[in-house]
Amino acid sequence: MPVDPLAEIVTLLQPSASFSKLVEYAGRWRIRRDVEGKPVYFAVLEGECRVVGARQPPIIVRAGDFVLSPSTNDQVIESIDAPPHGIDMLPVELGEGRFRIGLPDAPINLRMQVGLCSFASPDAALLVSLLPTMVVARGEPRLATLMQLVGDETRRSRPGRELVLERLLEVLLIEALRCGADAGSVPNLARGLSDDRLVAALRAMHAKPAHGWTVAALAAEAAMSRSAFFARFSRIVGLPPMEYLLAWRMALAKRLLRTHEFAISQVAVRVGYGSASTFSTAFARHVGIPPARYARNGAAN
């Protein structure tokens, strides 16, 4: 079976659900999300609103749309006729799993199912950097169904709850990234995987991370010239090919070191380095500490 880079990254992130709630929005309103980089996702059930994210133009989302922000920092969601800037509102709990934003006597103009999750992986920041900052999927009812399943599971204490939630979130995130790959022009892995040329090179890197890849060899996988491949990969994925490969190798190395099943020399070979010393130098430069110390710190945690 061919390696699926997107599934690999989402699985490595180890997602877990924090909450899922139904939110009603009334009148003129604005809410600012700053949840320490935690992933936020929501399905628009009724109405429309404006989403303003850092370093990207505002977008309008409507009923049937699904939005995923793998790393949310200072995201603003507001009504189309928003109040003046500087006026933010806080949600008021109406009942279990149900909240309201806006004046109590104002008419409701938006309903959304909102979820917040977290990534348990110590490499979350590195892995999230390979994903788009925001994904908008339109007309994909499967995403709303998955959200309902996540919400139902978070509100109940049934056997196997955590495992079920982890698997549901993995499917939800993969489906959102897959559906929203073409939704924006921001470079990211999902766009690379939807590119007919680049997908072969990305799959090759993930299938054989220990291989002695060069730009020329990866270009051959993509059936492109070296210069054309380098430019296309950098533009669409957001990193030059060898930088992406290094990031992926380091993520794999961290995972292997945390298991304590392999010696550093064995980890080096598994991620494409000919010697433990060469690997240790590259790891320390990329991570900030030598692999032996990283492994010890992992054991302490």
C-alpha atoms as a PDB file:
ATOM      1  CA  MET A   1       0.000   0.000   0.000  1.00  0.00           C
ATOM      2  CA  PRO A   2       1.461   3.439  -0.932  1.00  0.00           C
ATOM      3  CA  VAL A   3       2.438   5.757   1.917  1.00  0.00           C
ATOM      4  CA  ASP A   4       0.004   8.627   2.567  1.00  0.00           C
ATOM      5  CA  PRO A   5       1.994  11.632   3.844  1.00  0.00           C
ATOM      6  CA  LEU A   6      -1.094  13.500   5.043  1.00  0.00           C
ATOM      7  CA  ALA A   7      -2.330  10.546   7.079  1.00  0.00           C
ATOM      8  CA  GLU A   8       1.174  10.037   8.510  1.00  0.00           C
ATOM      9  CA  ILE A   9       1.409  13.622   9.723  1.00  0.00           C
ATOM     10  CA  VAL A  10      -2.099  13.701  11.233  1.00  0.00           C
ATOM     11  CA  THR A  11      -1.483  10.384  13.028  1.00  0.00           C
ATOM     12  CA  LEU A  12       1.853  11.643  14.384  1.00  0.00           C
ATOM     13  CA  LEU A  13       0.090  14.737  15.753  1.00  0.00           C
ATOM     14  CA  GLN A  14      -1.935  12.526  18.165  1.00  0.00           C
ATOM     15  CA  PRO A  15      -5.110  14.680  18.191  1.00  0.00           C
ATOM     16  CA  SER A  16      -7.467  14.645  21.160  1.00  0.00           C
ATOM     17  CA  ALA A  17     -10.749  16.499  21.637  1.00  0.00           C
ATOM     18  CA  SER A  18     -11.083  19.274  24.227  1.00  0.00           C
ATOM     19  CA  PHE A  19     -14.722  20.143  23.601  1.00  0.00           C
ATOM     20  CA  SER A  20     -17.448  20.444  20.987  1.00  0.00           C
ATOM     21  CA  LYS A  21     -20.323  22.904  21.411  1.00  0.00           C
ATOM     22  CA  LEU A  22     -23.234  24.499  19.592  1.00  0.00           C
ATOM     23  CA  VAL A  23     -22.910  28.290  19.444  1.00  0.00           C
ATOM     24  CA  GLU A  24     -25.636  30.784  18.493  1.00  0.00           C
ATOM     25  CA  TYR A  25     -24.663  34.296  17.392  1.00  0.00           C
ATOM     26  CA  ALA A  26     -27.072  37.235  17.595  1.00  0.00           C
ATOM     27  CA  GLY A  27     -27.130  40.789  16.239  1.00  0.00           C
ATOM     28  CA  ARG A  28     -23.800  42.581  15.687  1.00  0.00           C
ATOM     29  CA  TRP A  29     -20.960  40.678  17.298  1.00  0.00           C
ATOM     30  CA  ARG A  30     -17.268  39.907  17.227  1.00  0.00           C
ATOM     31  CA  ILE A  31     -15.303  37.186  19.004  1.00  0.00           C
ATOM     32  CA  ARG A  32     -11.544  36.835  19.135  1.00  0.00           C
ATOM     33  CA  ARG A  33     -10.027  33.383  19.408  1.00  0.00           C
ATOM     34  CA  ASP A  34      -6.625  33.148  21.033  1.00  0.00           C
ATOM     35  CA  VAL A  35      -6.374  29.632  22.368  1.00  0.00           C
ATOM     36  CA  GLU A  36      -2.593  29.288  22.537  1.00  0.00           C
ATOM     37  CA  GLY A  37      -2.294  27.819  19.076  1.00  0.00           C
ATOM     38  CA  LYS A  38      -4.754  24.982  19.691  1.00  0.00           C
ATOM     39  CA  PRO A  39      -6.589  23.699  16.593  1.00  0.00           C
ATOM     40  CA  VAL A  40     -10.096  25.072  16.135  1.00  0.00           C
ATOM     41  CA  TYR A  41     -12.686  23.777  13.687  1.00  0.00           C
ATOM     42  CA  PHE A  42     -16.307  24.662  13.049  1.00  0.00           C
ATOM     43  CA  ALA A  43     -19.213  23.800  10.788  1.00  0.00           C
ATOM     44  CA  VAL A  44     -21.591  26.598   9.777  1.00  0.00           C
ATOM     45  CA  LEU A  45     -25.128  25.255  10.258  1.00  0.00           C
ATOM     46  CA  GLU A  46     -27.104  28.447   9.520  1.00  0.00           C
ATOM     47  CA  GLY A  47     -26.273  31.994   8.448  1.00  0.00           C
ATOM     48  CA  GLU A  48     -22.926  33.521   7.502  1.00  0.00           C
ATOM     49  CA  CYS A  49     -20.006  35.357   9.082  1.00  0.00           C
ATOM     50  CA  ARG A  50     -16.561  36.796   8.383  1.00  0.00           C
ATOM     51  CA  VAL A  51     -13.333  35.061   9.458  1.00  0.00           C
ATOM     52  CA  VAL A  52     -10.246  37.226   9.825  1.00  0.00           C
ATOM     53  CA  GLY A  53      -6.976  35.367  10.332  1.00  0.00           C
ATOM     54  CA  ALA A  54      -3.435  36.595  10.770  1.00  0.00           C
ATOM     55  CA  ARG A  55      -1.540  37.221   7.525  1.00  0.00           C
ATOM     56  CA  GLN A  56      -4.459  36.313   5.247  1.00  0.00           C
ATOM     57  CA  PRO A  57      -7.393  38.188   3.696  1.00  0.00           C
ATOM     58  CA  PRO A  58     -10.822  37.976   5.419  1.00  0.00           C
ATOM     59  CA  ILE A  59     -13.200  35.331   4.081  1.00  0.00           C
ATOM     60  CA  ILE A  60     -16.975  34.928   4.261  1.00  0.00           C
ATOM     61  CA  VAL A  61     -18.245  31.503   5.308  1.00  0.00           C
ATOM     62  CA  ARG A  62     -21.836  30.362   4.958  1.00  0.00           C
ATOM     63  CA  ALA A  63     -24.151  27.474   5.852  1.00  0.00           C
ATOM     64  CA  GLY A  64     -22.594  24.215   4.682  1.00  0.00           C
ATOM     65  CA  ASP A  65     -18.994  25.441   5.042  1.00  0.00           C
ATOM     66  CA  PHE A  66     -16.416  23.843   7.311  1.00  0.00           C
ATOM     67  CA  VAL A  67     -13.351  25.710   8.617  1.00  0.00           C
ATOM     68  CA  LEU A  68     -10.248  24.184  10.154  1.00  0.00           C
ATOM     69  CA  SER A  69      -7.375  26.173  11.662  1.00  0.00           C
ATOM     70  CA  PRO A  70      -4.630  23.693  12.701  1.00  0.00           C
ATOM     71  CA  SER A  71      -2.867  26.453  14.645  1.00  0.00           C
ATOM     72  CA  THR A  72      -5.100  29.306  15.780  1.00  0.00           C
ATOM     73  CA  ASN A  73      -3.433  32.530  16.840  1.00  0.00           C
ATOM     74  CA  ASP A  74      -5.440  35.724  17.091  1.00  0.00           C
ATOM     75  CA  GLN A  75      -8.283  34.688  14.787  1.00  0.00           C
ATOM     76  CA  VAL A  76     -11.336  36.959  14.695  1.00  0.00           C
ATOM     77  CA  ILE A  77     -14.848  35.814  13.764  1.00  0.00           C
ATOM     78  CA  GLU A  78     -17.462  38.525  13.337  1.00  0.00           C
ATOM     79  CA  SER A  79     -20.903  39.226  11.933  1.00  0.00           C
ATOM     80  CA  ILE A  80     -21.141  40.677   8.434  1.00  0.00           C
ATOM     81  CA  ASP A  81     -22.376  43.933   9.989  1.00  0.00           C
ATOM     82  CA  ALA A  82     -19.729  43.840  12.726  1.00  0.00           C
ATOM     83  CA  PRO A  83     -19.477  46.302  15.625  1.00  0.00           C
ATOM     84  CA  PRO A  84     -16.611  48.819  15.705  1.00  0.00           C
ATOM     85  CA  HIS A  85     -13.124  47.413  16.105  1.00  0.00           C
ATOM     86  CA  GLY A  86     -12.087  46.983  19.692  1.00  0.00           C
ATOM     87  CA  ILE A  87     -15.470  45.571  20.728  1.00  0.00           C
ATOM     88  CA  ASP A  88     -15.115  41.848  21.458  1.00  0.00           C
ATOM     89  CA  MET A  89     -17.715  39.633  23.099  1.00  0.00           C
ATOM     90  CA  LEU A  90     -17.562  36.532  25.269  1.00  0.00           C
ATOM     91  CA  PRO A  91     -19.774  33.447  24.939  1.00  0.00           C
ATOM     92  CA  VAL A  92     -22.521  32.914  27.505  1.00  0.00           C
ATOM     93  CA  GLU A  93     -23.411  29.343  28.425  1.00  0.00           C
ATOM     94  CA  LEU A  94     -27.106  28.555  27.902  1.00  0.00           C
ATOM     95  CA  GLY A  95     -26.967  24.878  28.802  1.00  0.00           C
ATOM     96  CA  GLU A  96     -24.777  21.816  28.446  1.00  0.00           C
ATOM     97  CA  GLY A  97     -22.845  22.142  25.197  1.00  0.00           C
ATOM     98  CA  ARG A  98     -24.786  25.258  24.083  1.00  0.00           C
ATOM     99  CA  PHE A  99     -23.570  28.872  24.062  1.00  0.00           C
ATOM    100  CA  ARG A 100     -24.687  32.285  22.805  1.00  0.00           C
ATOM    101  CA  ILE A 101     -22.694  35.309  21.624  1.00  0.00           C
ATOM    102  CA  GLY A 102     -24.278  38.747  21.223  1.00  0.00           C
ATOM    103  CA  LEU A 103     -26.983  40.757  22.945  1.00  0.00           C
ATOM    104  CA  PRO A 104     -29.668  38.581  24.589  1.00  0.00           C
ATOM    105  CA  ASP A 105     -32.577  40.344  22.843  1.00  0.00           C
ATOM    106  CA  ALA A 106     -30.976  40.439  19.359  1.00  0.00           C
ATOM    107  CA  PRO A 107     -32.118  38.062  16.596  1.00  0.00           C
ATOM    108  CA  ILE A 108     -29.947  35.006  15.918  1.00  0.00           C
ATOM    109  CA  ASN A 109     -28.134  35.287  12.586  1.00  0.00           C
ATOM    110  CA  LEU A 110     -25.656  32.383  12.801  1.00  0.00           C
ATOM    111  CA  ARG A 111     -25.436  28.888  14.280  1.00  0.00           C
ATOM    112  CA  MET A 112     -22.197  26.892  14.291  1.00  0.00           C
ATOM    113  CA  GLN A 113     -20.918  23.656  15.779  1.00  0.00           C
ATOM    114  CA  VAL A 114     -17.505  24.585  17.185  1.00  0.00           C
ATOM    115  CA  GLY A 115     -14.765  22.218  18.288  1.00  0.00           C
ATOM    116  CA  LEU A 116     -11.388  22.623  19.953  1.00  0.00           C
ATOM    117  CA  CYS A 117      -8.755  19.920  20.076  1.00  0.00           C
ATOM    118  CA  SER A 118      -5.113  19.558  21.041  1.00  0.00           C
ATOM    119  CA  PHE A 119      -2.108  17.732  19.632  1.00  0.00           C
ATOM    120  CA  ALA A 120      -0.228  15.542  22.104  1.00  0.00           C
ATOM    121  CA  SER A 121       2.844  15.145  19.903  1.00  0.00           C
ATOM    122  CA  PRO A 122       5.975  16.961  21.148  1.00  0.00           C
ATOM    123  CA  ASP A 123       6.624  17.669  17.454  1.00  0.00           C
ATOM    124  CA  ALA A 124       3.263  19.372  16.935  1.00  0.00           C
ATOM    125  CA  ALA A 125       4.732  22.761  16.014  1.00  0.00           C
ATOM    126  CA  LEU A 126       6.996  21.219  13.383  1.00  0.00           C
ATOM    127  CA  LEU A 127       4.229  19.047  11.921  1.00  0.00           C
ATOM    128  CA  VAL A 128       1.608  21.820  11.944  1.00  0.00           C
ATOM    129  CA  SER A 129       4.058  24.022  10.027  1.00  0.00           C
ATOM    130  CA  LEU A 130       3.643  21.577   7.120  1.00  0.00           C
ATOM    131  CA  LEU A 131      -0.139  22.138   7.073  1.00  0.00           C
ATOM    132  CA  PRO A 132      -2.154  25.138   5.864  1.00  0.00           C
ATOM    133  CA  THR A 133      -2.901  27.871   8.414  1.00  0.00           C
ATOM    134  CA  MET A 134      -6.606  27.682   7.565  1.00  0.00           C
ATOM    135  CA  VAL A 135      -8.703  25.311   5.473  1.00  0.00           C
ATOM    136  CA  VAL A 136     -12.174  26.102   4.167  1.00  0.00           C
ATOM    137  CA  ALA A 137     -14.180  23.207   2.741  1.00  0.00           C
ATOM    138  CA  ARG A 138     -17.478  24.038   1.057  1.00  0.00           C
ATOM    139  CA  GLY A 139     -20.403  21.727   0.413  1.00  0.00           C
ATOM    140  CA  GLU A 140     -18.968  18.689   2.230  1.00  0.00           C
ATOM    141  CA  PRO A 141     -21.758  17.291   4.462  1.00  0.00           C
ATOM    142  CA  ARG A 142     -19.494  14.448   5.634  1.00  0.00           C
ATOM    143  CA  LEU A 143     -17.519  16.959   7.710  1.00  0.00           C
ATOM    144  CA  ALA A 144     -20.610  18.118   9.595  1.00  0.00           C
ATOM    145  CA  THR A 145     -21.526  14.477  10.231  1.00  0.00           C
ATOM    146  CA  LEU A 146     -18.050  13.774  11.607  1.00  0.00           C
ATOM    147  CA  MET A 147     -18.339  16.830  13.861  1.00  0.00           C
ATOM    148  CA  GLN A 148     -21.654  15.551  15.216  1.00  0.00           C
ATOM    149  CA  LEU A 149     -20.021  12.214  16.023  1.00  0.00           C
ATOM    150  CA  VAL A 150     -17.139  13.972  17.792  1.00  0.00           C
ATOM    151  CA  GLY A 151     -19.561  16.140  19.761  1.00  0.00           C
ATOM    152  CA  ASP A 152     -21.669  13.151  20.771  1.00  0.00           C
ATOM    153  CA  GLU A 153     -18.591  11.236  21.925  1.00  0.00           C
ATOM    154  CA  THR A 154     -17.168  14.147  23.964  1.00  0.00           C
ATOM    155  CA  ARG A 155     -20.391  14.474  25.969  1.00  0.00           C
ATOM    156  CA  ARG A 156     -20.572  10.817  26.977  1.00  0.00           C
ATOM    157  CA  SER A 157     -18.414   8.570  29.116  1.00  0.00           C
ATOM    158  CA  ARG A 158     -18.487   5.319  27.210  1.00  0.00           C
ATOM    159  CA  PRO A 159     -15.883   2.533  27.109  1.00  0.00           C
ATOM    160  CA  GLY A 160     -13.096   3.286  24.644  1.00  0.00           C
ATOM    161  CA  ARG A 161     -14.060   6.980  24.514  1.00  0.00           C
ATOM    162  CA  GLU A 162     -10.526   8.378  24.137  1.00  0.00           C
ATOM    163  CA  LEU A 163      -9.556   5.926  21.405  1.00  0.00           C
ATOM    164  CA  VAL A 164     -12.772   6.557  19.478  1.00  0.00           C
ATOM    165  CA  LEU A 165     -12.281  10.328  19.757  1.00  0.00           C
ATOM    166  CA  GLU A 166      -8.681  10.086  18.556  1.00  0.00           C
ATOM    167  CA  ARG A 167      -9.697   8.079  15.490  1.00  0.00           C
ATOM    168  CA  LEU A 168     -12.686  10.326  14.717  1.00  0.00           C
ATOM    169  CA  LEU A 169     -10.484  13.411  14.926  1.00  0.00           C
ATOM    170  CA  GLU A 170      -7.873  11.844  12.670  1.00  0.00           C
ATOM    171  CA  VAL A 171     -10.551  11.166  10.060  1.00  0.00           C
ATOM    172  CA  LEU A 172     -12.052  14.638  10.514  1.00  0.00           C
ATOM    173  CA  LEU A 173      -8.700  16.396  10.091  1.00  0.00           C
ATOM    174  CA  ILE A 174      -7.650  14.299   7.091  1.00  0.00           C
ATOM    175  CA  GLU A 175     -11.024  14.807   5.414  1.00  0.00           C
ATOM    176  CA  ALA A 176     -10.908  18.575   6.017  1.00  0.00           C
ATOM    177  CA  LEU A 177      -7.353  18.901   4.695  1.00  0.00           C
ATOM    178  CA  ARG A 178      -8.214  16.756   1.687  1.00  0.00           C
ATOM    179  CA  CYS A 179     -11.428  18.654   0.871  1.00  0.00           C
ATOM    180  CA  GLY A 180      -9.876  22.071   1.388  1.00  0.00           C
ATOM    181  CA  ALA A 181      -6.597  21.514  -0.465  1.00  0.00           C
ATOM    182  CA  ASP A 182      -7.564  23.870  -3.275  1.00  0.00           C
ATOM    183  CA  ALA A 183      -9.413  26.418  -1.157  1.00  0.00           C
ATOM    184  CA  GLY A 184      -6.584  28.922  -0.949  1.00  0.00           C
ATOM    185  CA  SER A 185      -3.275  29.872  -2.420  1.00  0.00           C
ATOM    186  CA  VAL A 186      -1.264  29.513   0.812  1.00  0.00           C
ATOM    187  CA  PRO A 187       1.581  27.001   0.267  1.00  0.00           C
ATOM    188  CA  ASN A 188       1.209  23.796   2.299  1.00  0.00           C
ATOM    189  CA  LEU A 189       1.516  20.025   2.181  1.00  0.00           C
ATOM    190  CA  ALA A 190      -2.141  19.456   1.260  1.00  0.00           C
ATOM    191  CA  ARG A 191      -1.706  21.548  -1.886  1.00  0.00           C
ATOM    192  CA  GLY A 192       1.416  19.579  -2.757  1.00  0.00           C
ATOM    193  CA  LEU A 193      -0.455  16.303  -2.433  1.00  0.00           C
ATOM    194  CA  SER A 194      -3.187  17.578  -4.751  1.00  0.00           C
ATOM    195  CA  ASP A 195      -0.585  18.486  -7.392  1.00  0.00           C
ATOM    196  CA  ASP A 196      -0.295  15.750 -10.032  1.00  0.00           C
ATOM    197  CA  ARG A 197       3.472  16.235 -10.375  1.00  0.00           C
ATOM    198  CA  LEU A 198       4.564  16.824  -6.781  1.00  0.00           C
ATOM    199  CA  VAL A 199       2.549  14.041  -5.169  1.00  0.00           C
ATOM    200  CA  ALA A 200       4.912  11.366  -6.533  1.00  0.00           C
ATOM    201  CA  ALA A 201       7.959  13.065  -4.985  1.00  0.00           C
ATOM    202  CA  LEU A 202       6.206  13.618  -1.641  1.00  0.00           C
ATOM    203  CA  ARG A 203       5.098  10.002  -1.448  1.00  0.00           C
ATOM    204  CA  ALA A 204       8.618   8.854  -2.324  1.00  0.00           C
ATOM    205  CA  MET A 205      10.147  10.923   0.502  1.00  0.00           C
ATOM    206  CA  HIS A 206       7.685   9.543   3.039  1.00  0.00           C
ATOM    207  CA  ALA A 207       7.968   5.969   1.786  1.00  0.00           C
ATOM    208  CA  LYS A 208      11.794   5.967   1.873  1.00  0.00           C
ATOM    209  CA  PRO A 209      13.030   8.639   4.316  1.00  0.00           C
ATOM    210  CA  ALA A 210      16.390   6.823   4.626  1.00  0.00           C
ATOM    211  CA  HIS A 211      17.079   6.997   0.895  1.00  0.00           C
ATOM    212  CA  GLY A 212      19.853   9.343  -0.219  1.00  0.00           C
ATOM    213  CA  TRP A 213      17.493  11.756  -1.935  1.00  0.00           C
ATOM    214  CA  THR A 214      18.762  14.665  -4.010  1.00  0.00           C
ATOM    215  CA  VAL A 215      16.756  17.362  -5.737  1.00  0.00           C
ATOM    216  CA  ALA A 216      17.586  15.698  -9.056  1.00  0.00           C
ATOM    217  CA  ALA A 217      16.312  12.299  -7.855  1.00  0.00           C
ATOM    218  CA  LEU A 218      13.095  13.810  -6.507  1.00  0.00           C
ATOM    219  CA  ALA A 219      12.627  15.736  -9.753  1.00  0.00           C
ATOM    220  CA  ALA A 220      12.889  12.432 -11.610  1.00  0.00           C
ATOM    221  CA  GLU A 221      10.098  11.011  -9.398  1.00  0.00           C
ATOM    222  CA  ALA A 222       7.975  13.983 -10.440  1.00  0.00           C
ATOM    223  CA  ALA A 223       9.004  13.623 -14.117  1.00  0.00           C
ATOM    224  CA  MET A 224      10.253  17.213 -14.178  1.00  0.00           C
ATOM    225  CA  SER A 225      13.499  19.037 -14.732  1.00  0.00           C
ATOM    226  CA  ARG A 226      15.501  19.827 -11.604  1.00  0.00           C
ATOM    227  CA  SER A 227      14.963  23.592 -11.787  1.00  0.00           C
ATOM    228  CA  ALA A 228      11.248  23.357 -12.622  1.00  0.00           C
ATOM    229  CA  PHE A 229      10.676  20.856  -9.800  1.00  0.00           C
ATOM    230  CA  PHE A 230      12.560  22.958  -7.236  1.00  0.00           C
ATOM    231  CA  ALA A 231      10.568  26.087  -8.115  1.00  0.00           C
ATOM    232  CA  ARG A 232       7.205  24.300  -8.201  1.00  0.00           C
ATOM    233  CA  PHE A 233       7.792  22.426  -4.920  1.00  0.00           C
ATOM    234  CA  SER A 234       8.943  25.556  -3.084  1.00  0.00           C
ATOM    235  CA  ARG A 235       5.987  27.593  -4.375  1.00  0.00           C
ATOM    236  CA  ILE A 236       3.255  25.036  -3.642  1.00  0.00           C
ATOM    237  CA  VAL A 237       4.512  23.262  -0.500  1.00  0.00           C
ATOM    238  CA  GLY A 238       6.125  26.341   1.028  1.00  0.00           C
ATOM    239  CA  LEU A 239       9.558  24.818   1.663  1.00  0.00           C
ATOM    240  CA  PRO A 240      12.397  23.817  -0.694  1.00  0.00           C
ATOM    241  CA  PRO A 241      12.441  20.021  -1.242  1.00  0.00           C
ATOM    242  CA  MET A 242      15.482  19.281   0.920  1.00  0.00           C
ATOM    243  CA  GLU A 243      14.210  21.480   3.772  1.00  0.00           C
ATOM    244  CA  TYR A 244      10.915  19.573   3.732  1.00  0.00           C
ATOM    245  CA  LEU A 245      12.807  16.268   3.734  1.00  0.00           C
ATOM    246  CA  LEU A 246      14.930  17.420   6.677  1.00  0.00           C
ATOM    247  CA  ALA A 247      11.840  18.469   8.658  1.00  0.00           C
ATOM    248  CA  TRP A 248      10.226  15.098   8.045  1.00  0.00           C
ATOM    249  CA  ARG A 249      13.381  13.155   8.935  1.00  0.00           C
ATOM    250  CA  MET A 250      13.744  15.086  12.189  1.00  0.00           C
ATOM    251  CA  ALA A 251      10.100  14.404  13.119  1.00  0.00           C
ATOM    252  CA  LEU A 252      10.687  10.694  12.543  1.00  0.00           C
ATOM    253  CA  ALA A 253      13.970  10.797  14.478  1.00  0.00           C
ATOM    254  CA  LYS A 254      12.257  12.408  17.479  1.00  0.00           C
ATOM    255  CA  ARG A 255       9.595   9.714  17.486  1.00  0.00           C
ATOM    256  CA  LEU A 256      12.200   6.935  17.314  1.00  0.00           C
ATOM    257  CA  LEU A 257      14.317   8.489  20.073  1.00  0.00           C
ATOM    258  CA  ARG A 258      11.306   8.738  22.395  1.00  0.00           C
ATOM    259  CA  THR A 259      10.588   5.007  22.050  1.00  0.00           C
ATOM    260  CA  HIS A 260      14.084   4.100  23.363  1.00  0.00           C
ATOM    261  CA  GLU A 261      13.960   1.004  21.148  1.00  0.00           C
ATOM    262  CA  PHE A 262      16.884   1.990  18.933  1.00  0.00           C
ATOM    263  CA  ALA A 263      20.434   3.142  19.478  1.00  0.00           C
ATOM    264  CA  ILE A 264      21.349   6.549  18.044  1.00  0.00           C
ATOM    265  CA  SER A 265      23.321   4.832  15.269  1.00  0.00           C
ATOM    266  CA  GLN A 266      20.205   2.855  14.304  1.00  0.00           C
ATOM    267  CA  VAL A 267      18.040   5.975  14.324  1.00  0.00           C
ATOM    268  CA  ALA A 268      20.618   7.689  12.112  1.00  0.00           C
ATOM    269  CA  VAL A 269      20.376   4.945   9.490  1.00  0.00           C
ATOM    270  CA  ARG A 270      16.566   4.915   9.580  1.00  0.00           C
ATOM    271  CA  VAL A 271      16.369   8.624   8.773  1.00  0.00           C
ATOM    272  CA  GLY A 272      19.010   8.732   6.080  1.00  0.00           C
ATOM    273  CA  TYR A 273      22.345   9.442   7.770  1.00  0.00           C
ATOM    274  CA  GLY A 274      25.483   7.388   7.192  1.00  0.00           C
ATOM    275  CA  SER A 275      26.891   7.788  10.687  1.00  0.00           C
ATOM    276  CA  ALA A 276      25.772   8.613  14.210  1.00  0.00           C
ATOM    277  CA  SER A 277      28.068  11.648  14.328  1.00  0.00           C
ATOM    278  CA  THR A 278      26.659  13.165  11.137  1.00  0.00           C
ATOM    279  CA  PHE A 279      23.130  12.582  12.379  1.00  0.00           C
ATOM    280  CA  SER A 280      23.905  14.014  15.815  1.00  0.00           C
ATOM    281  CA  THR A 281      25.294  17.188  14.274  1.00  0.00           C
ATOM    282  CA  ALA A 282      22.235  17.634  12.025  1.00  0.00           C
ATOM    283  CA  PHE A 283      19.825  16.834  14.865  1.00  0.00           C
ATOM    284  CA  ALA A 284      21.456  19.259  17.289  1.00  0.00           C
ATOM    285  CA  ARG A 285      21.439  22.017  14.670  1.00  0.00           C
ATOM    286  CA  HIS A 286      17.748  21.446  13.881  1.00  0.00           C
ATOM    287  CA  VAL A 287      16.357  20.668  17.354  1.00  0.00           C
ATOM    288  CA  GLY A 288      18.752  22.611  19.563  1.00  0.00           C
ATOM    289  CA  ILE A 289      20.010  19.699  21.692  1.00  0.00           C
ATOM    290  CA  PRO A 290      21.931  16.482  20.886  1.00  0.00           C
ATOM    291  CA  PRO A 291      19.845  13.330  20.252  1.00  0.00           C
ATOM    292  CA  ALA A 292      21.161  11.584  23.403  1.00  0.00           C
ATOM    293  CA  ARG A 293      19.943  14.426  25.601  1.00  0.00           C
ATOM    294  CA  TYR A 294      16.629  14.573  23.718  1.00  0.00           C
ATOM    295  CA  ALA A 295      16.110  10.857  24.394  1.00  0.00           C
ATOM    296  CA  ARG A 296      16.898  11.327  28.109  1.00  0.00           C
ATOM    297  CA  ASN A 297      14.528  14.302  28.379  1.00  0.00           C
ATOM    298  CA  GLY A 298      11.807  12.221  26.722  1.00  0.00           C
ATOM    299  CA  ALA A 299      12.311   9.486  29.290  1.00  0.00           C
ATOM    300  CA  ALA A 300      12.078  12.034  32.128  1.00  0.00           C
ATOM    301  CA  ASN A 301       8.789  13.302  30.762  1.00  0.00           C
END
